[in-house]
C-alpha atoms as a PDB file:
ATOM      1  CA  UNK A   1     -31.055   1.496 -72.405  1.00  0.00           C
ATOM      2  CA  UNK A   2     -29.709   4.597 -70.813  1.00  0.00           C
ATOM      3  CA  UNK A   3     -26.157   3.324 -71.083  1.00  0.00           C
ATOM      4  CA  UNK A   4     -26.736   2.864 -74.898  1.00  0.00           C
ATOM      5  CA  UNK A   5     -28.006   6.380 -75.085  1.00  0.00           C
ATOM      6  CA  UNK A   6     -25.062   7.617 -73.134  1.00  0.00           C
ATOM      7  CA  UNK A   7     -22.597   5.829 -75.569  1.00  0.00           C
ATOM      8  CA  UNK A   8     -24.499   7.069 -78.675  1.00  0.00           C
ATOM      9  CA  UNK A   9     -24.339  10.654 -77.236  1.00  0.00           C
ATOM     10  CA  UNK A  10     -20.594  10.431 -76.675  1.00  0.00           C
ATOM     11  CA  UNK A  11     -20.228   8.905 -80.206  1.00  0.00           C
ATOM     12  CA  UNK A  12     -22.228  11.673 -81.883  1.00  0.00           C
ATOM     13  CA  UNK A  13     -20.269  14.385 -80.022  1.00  0.00           C
ATOM     14  CA  UNK A  14     -16.922  12.769 -80.887  1.00  0.00           C
ATOM     15  CA  UNK A  15     -17.757  12.856 -84.588  1.00  0.00           C
ATOM     16  CA  UNK A  16     -18.808  16.437 -84.368  1.00  0.00           C
ATOM     17  CA  UNK A  17     -15.647  17.635 -82.562  1.00  0.00           C
ATOM     18  CA  UNK A  18     -13.172  14.964 -83.717  1.00  0.00           C
ATOM     19  CA  UNK A  19     -12.733  13.653 -80.240  1.00  0.00           C
ATOM     20  CA  UNK A  20     -12.662   9.873 -80.368  1.00  0.00           C
ATOM     21  CA  UNK A  21     -13.770   7.890 -77.251  1.00  0.00           C
ATOM     22  CA  UNK A  22     -12.539   4.255 -77.296  1.00  0.00           C
ATOM     23  CA  UNK A  23     -14.473   1.595 -75.451  1.00  0.00           C
ATOM     24  CA  UNK A  24     -11.648  -1.077 -75.382  1.00  0.00           C
ATOM     25  CA  UNK A  25      -8.793  -0.502 -72.855  1.00  0.00           C
ATOM     26  CA  UNK A  26      -6.439  -2.865 -74.603  1.00  0.00           C
ATOM     27  CA  UNK A  27      -6.942  -1.400 -78.059  1.00  0.00           C
ATOM     28  CA  UNK A  28      -6.661   2.126 -76.600  1.00  0.00           C
ATOM     29  CA  UNK A  29      -3.405   1.466 -74.808  1.00  0.00           C
ATOM     30  CA  UNK A  30      -1.880  -0.140 -78.025  1.00  0.00           C
ATOM     31  CA  UNK A  31      -2.893   3.016 -79.946  1.00  0.00           C
ATOM     32  CA  UNK A  32      -1.350   5.211 -77.228  1.00  0.00           C
ATOM     33  CA  UNK A  33       1.870   3.173 -77.606  1.00  0.00           C
ATOM     34  CA  UNK A  34       1.975   3.423 -81.383  1.00  0.00           C
ATOM     35  CA  UNK A  35       1.223   7.108 -81.444  1.00  0.00           C
ATOM     36  CA  UNK A  36       3.323   7.861 -78.355  1.00  0.00           C
ATOM     37  CA  UNK A  37       0.358   9.626 -76.569  1.00  0.00           C
ATOM     38  CA  UNK A  38      -1.045   9.732 -73.081  1.00  0.00           C
ATOM     39  CA  UNK A  39      -4.025   7.568 -72.199  1.00  0.00           C
ATOM     40  CA  UNK A  40      -6.885   9.358 -70.434  1.00  0.00           C
ATOM     41  CA  UNK A  41      -9.132   6.752 -68.784  1.00  0.00           C
ATOM     42  CA  UNK A  42     -12.632   7.773 -67.730  1.00  0.00           C
ATOM     43  CA  UNK A  43     -14.333   5.287 -65.417  1.00  0.00           C
ATOM     44  CA  UNK A  44     -17.998   5.949 -65.232  1.00  0.00           C
ATOM     45  CA  UNK A  45     -21.288   4.381 -64.019  1.00  0.00           C
ATOM     46  CA  UNK A  46     -24.046   3.778 -66.518  1.00  0.00           C
ATOM     47  CA  UNK A  47     -26.457   6.437 -65.127  1.00  0.00           C
ATOM     48  CA  UNK A  48     -23.896   9.007 -63.906  1.00  0.00           C
ATOM     49  CA  UNK A  49     -25.364  12.568 -63.735  1.00  0.00           C
ATOM     50  CA  UNK A  50     -21.879  14.023 -63.524  1.00  0.00           C
ATOM     51  CA  UNK A  51     -21.117  13.069 -67.093  1.00  0.00           C
ATOM     52  CA  UNK A  52     -22.738  16.300 -68.358  1.00  0.00           C
ATOM     53  CA  UNK A  53     -19.953  18.393 -66.634  1.00  0.00           C
ATOM     54  CA  UNK A  54     -17.296  16.094 -68.047  1.00  0.00           C
ATOM     55  CA  UNK A  55     -18.595  16.345 -71.519  1.00  0.00           C
ATOM     56  CA  UNK A  56     -18.791  20.188 -71.268  1.00  0.00           C
ATOM     57  CA  UNK A  57     -15.188  20.216 -69.954  1.00  0.00           C
ATOM     58  CA  UNK A  58     -13.796  17.860 -72.631  1.00  0.00           C
ATOM     59  CA  UNK A  59     -15.302  19.840 -75.478  1.00  0.00           C
ATOM     60  CA  UNK A  60     -13.943  23.252 -74.351  1.00  0.00           C
ATOM     61  CA  UNK A  61     -11.791  24.360 -77.343  1.00  0.00           C
ATOM     62  CA  UNK A  62      -8.476  24.503 -75.475  1.00  0.00           C
ATOM     63  CA  UNK A  63      -9.050  21.120 -73.771  1.00  0.00           C
ATOM     64  CA  UNK A  64     -10.360  19.397 -76.931  1.00  0.00           C
ATOM     65  CA  UNK A  65      -7.345  20.648 -78.803  1.00  0.00           C
ATOM     66  CA  UNK A  66      -4.920  19.296 -76.246  1.00  0.00           C
ATOM     67  CA  UNK A  67      -6.742  15.954 -76.079  1.00  0.00           C
ATOM     68  CA  UNK A  68      -6.636  15.516 -79.807  1.00  0.00           C
ATOM     69  CA  UNK A  69      -2.910  16.229 -79.911  1.00  0.00           C
ATOM     70  CA  UNK A  70      -1.752  14.472 -76.772  1.00  0.00           C
ATOM     71  CA  UNK A  71      -4.169  11.772 -75.716  1.00  0.00           C
ATOM     72  CA  UNK A  72      -6.004   8.620 -76.527  1.00  0.00           C
ATOM     73  CA  UNK A  73      -9.281   8.632 -74.594  1.00  0.00           C
ATOM     74  CA  UNK A  74     -10.934   5.467 -73.331  1.00  0.00           C
ATOM     75  CA  UNK A  75     -14.241   5.433 -71.505  1.00  0.00           C
ATOM     76  CA  UNK A  76     -15.003   2.402 -69.320  1.00  0.00           C
ATOM     77  CA  UNK A  77     -18.545   1.899 -68.094  1.00  0.00           C
ATOM     78  CA  UNK A  78     -18.482   0.130 -64.785  1.00  0.00           C
ATOM     79  CA  UNK A  79     -19.314  -3.629 -65.168  1.00  0.00           C
ATOM     80  CA  UNK A  80     -19.371  -3.417 -69.038  1.00  0.00           C
ATOM     81  CA  UNK A  81     -15.786  -3.488 -70.130  1.00  0.00           C
ATOM     82  CA  UNK A  82     -12.596  -4.982 -68.811  1.00  0.00           C
ATOM     83  CA  UNK A  83      -9.600  -2.924 -67.742  1.00  0.00           C
ATOM     84  CA  UNK A  84      -6.557  -3.357 -65.339  1.00  0.00           C
ATOM     85  CA  UNK A  85      -8.456  -2.920 -62.068  1.00  0.00           C
ATOM     86  CA  UNK A  86      -5.228  -3.193 -59.985  1.00  0.00           C
ATOM     87  CA  UNK A  87      -3.820  -0.183 -61.750  1.00  0.00           C
ATOM     88  CA  UNK A  88      -6.927   1.901 -61.969  1.00  0.00           C
ATOM     89  CA  UNK A  89      -8.530   0.925 -58.661  1.00  0.00           C
ATOM     90  CA  UNK A  90     -11.385   3.093 -57.403  1.00  0.00           C
ATOM     91  CA  UNK A  91     -14.619   2.569 -55.427  1.00  0.00           C
ATOM     92  CA  UNK A  92     -16.025   5.983 -56.408  1.00  0.00           C
ATOM     93  CA  UNK A  93     -17.280   7.041 -59.876  1.00  0.00           C
ATOM     94  CA  UNK A  94     -16.695   8.871 -62.028  1.00  0.00           C
ATOM     95  CA  UNK A  95     -12.905   8.532 -61.724  1.00  0.00           C
ATOM     96  CA  UNK A  96     -10.290   9.890 -64.119  1.00  0.00           C
ATOM     97  CA  UNK A  97      -6.742   8.609 -64.665  1.00  0.00           C
ATOM     98  CA  UNK A  98      -3.839   9.737 -66.903  1.00  0.00           C
ATOM     99  CA  UNK A  99      -1.296   7.153 -67.949  1.00  0.00           C
ATOM    100  CA  UNK A 100       1.712   7.324 -70.236  1.00  0.00           C
ATOM    101  CA  UNK A 101       2.096   4.909 -73.142  1.00  0.00           C
ATOM    102  CA  UNK A 102       3.970   2.518 -70.879  1.00  0.00           C
ATOM    103  CA  UNK A 103       0.914   2.261 -68.581  1.00  0.00           C
ATOM    104  CA  UNK A 104       2.611   4.193 -65.775  1.00  0.00           C
ATOM    105  CA  UNK A 105       0.110   6.104 -63.824  1.00  0.00           C
ATOM    106  CA  UNK A 106       0.878   9.859 -63.994  1.00  0.00           C
ATOM    107  CA  UNK A 107      -2.289  11.176 -62.339  1.00  0.00           C
ATOM    108  CA  UNK A 108      -5.336   9.843 -60.804  1.00  0.00           C
ATOM    109  CA  UNK A 109      -7.742   9.085 -59.537  1.00  0.00           C
ATOM    110  CA  UNK A 110      -9.514  12.320 -59.717  1.00  0.00           C
ATOM    111  CA  UNK A 111     -12.977  11.707 -58.525  1.00  0.00           C
ATOM    112  CA  UNK A 112     -16.397  13.298 -59.096  1.00  0.00           C
ATOM    113  CA  UNK A 113     -17.223  16.352 -61.147  1.00  0.00           C
ATOM    114  CA  UNK A 114     -14.272  17.894 -63.048  1.00  0.00           C
ATOM    115  CA  UNK A 115     -14.503  21.323 -64.473  1.00  0.00           C
ATOM    116  CA  UNK A 116     -12.189  22.964 -66.955  1.00  0.00           C
ATOM    117  CA  UNK A 117      -9.842  24.548 -64.389  1.00  0.00           C
ATOM    118  CA  UNK A 118      -9.328  21.293 -62.518  1.00  0.00           C
ATOM    119  CA  UNK A 119      -8.800  19.361 -65.661  1.00  0.00           C
ATOM    120  CA  UNK A 120      -6.122  21.772 -66.805  1.00  0.00           C
ATOM    121  CA  UNK A 121      -4.385  21.740 -63.432  1.00  0.00           C
ATOM    122  CA  UNK A 122      -4.544  18.076 -62.783  1.00  0.00           C
ATOM    123  CA  UNK A 123      -4.018  16.652 -66.380  1.00  0.00           C
ATOM    124  CA  UNK A 124      -2.692  19.171 -68.891  1.00  0.00           C
ATOM    125  CA  UNK A 125      -0.193  20.832 -66.477  1.00  0.00           C
ATOM    126  CA  UNK A 126       0.927  17.585 -64.858  1.00  0.00           C
ATOM    127  CA  UNK A 127       1.493  16.049 -68.295  1.00  0.00           C
ATOM    128  CA  UNK A 128       3.665  19.056 -69.301  1.00  0.00           C
ATOM    129  CA  UNK A 129       6.115  18.431 -66.363  1.00  0.00           C
END
């Protein structure tokens, strides 16, 4: 029930701010390929308390703008969706990965809480290189 609440919360926030969280890795990577965008993969556990920090980070105006322009975001809840485990391997959650549209890992995993400064340094600046 809590994971359903979590997904509904993300969905309602995505409508309000025009950030779209995909729940299907294969569809998300196809969309990234067709739009020539990065793929930001968020691997989370159903009852993760660190999600609050992530949501606050992603909805900061400068980060949300970058995400809308440059990324397709896919959120994978541990044990509920399939994804390429061999590419996005982790034993700790939450974990964040940045891939290009050819599924080449550019950054990750970044583990645990991620604030705005860490997000900018690890994802936005790395993607600009």
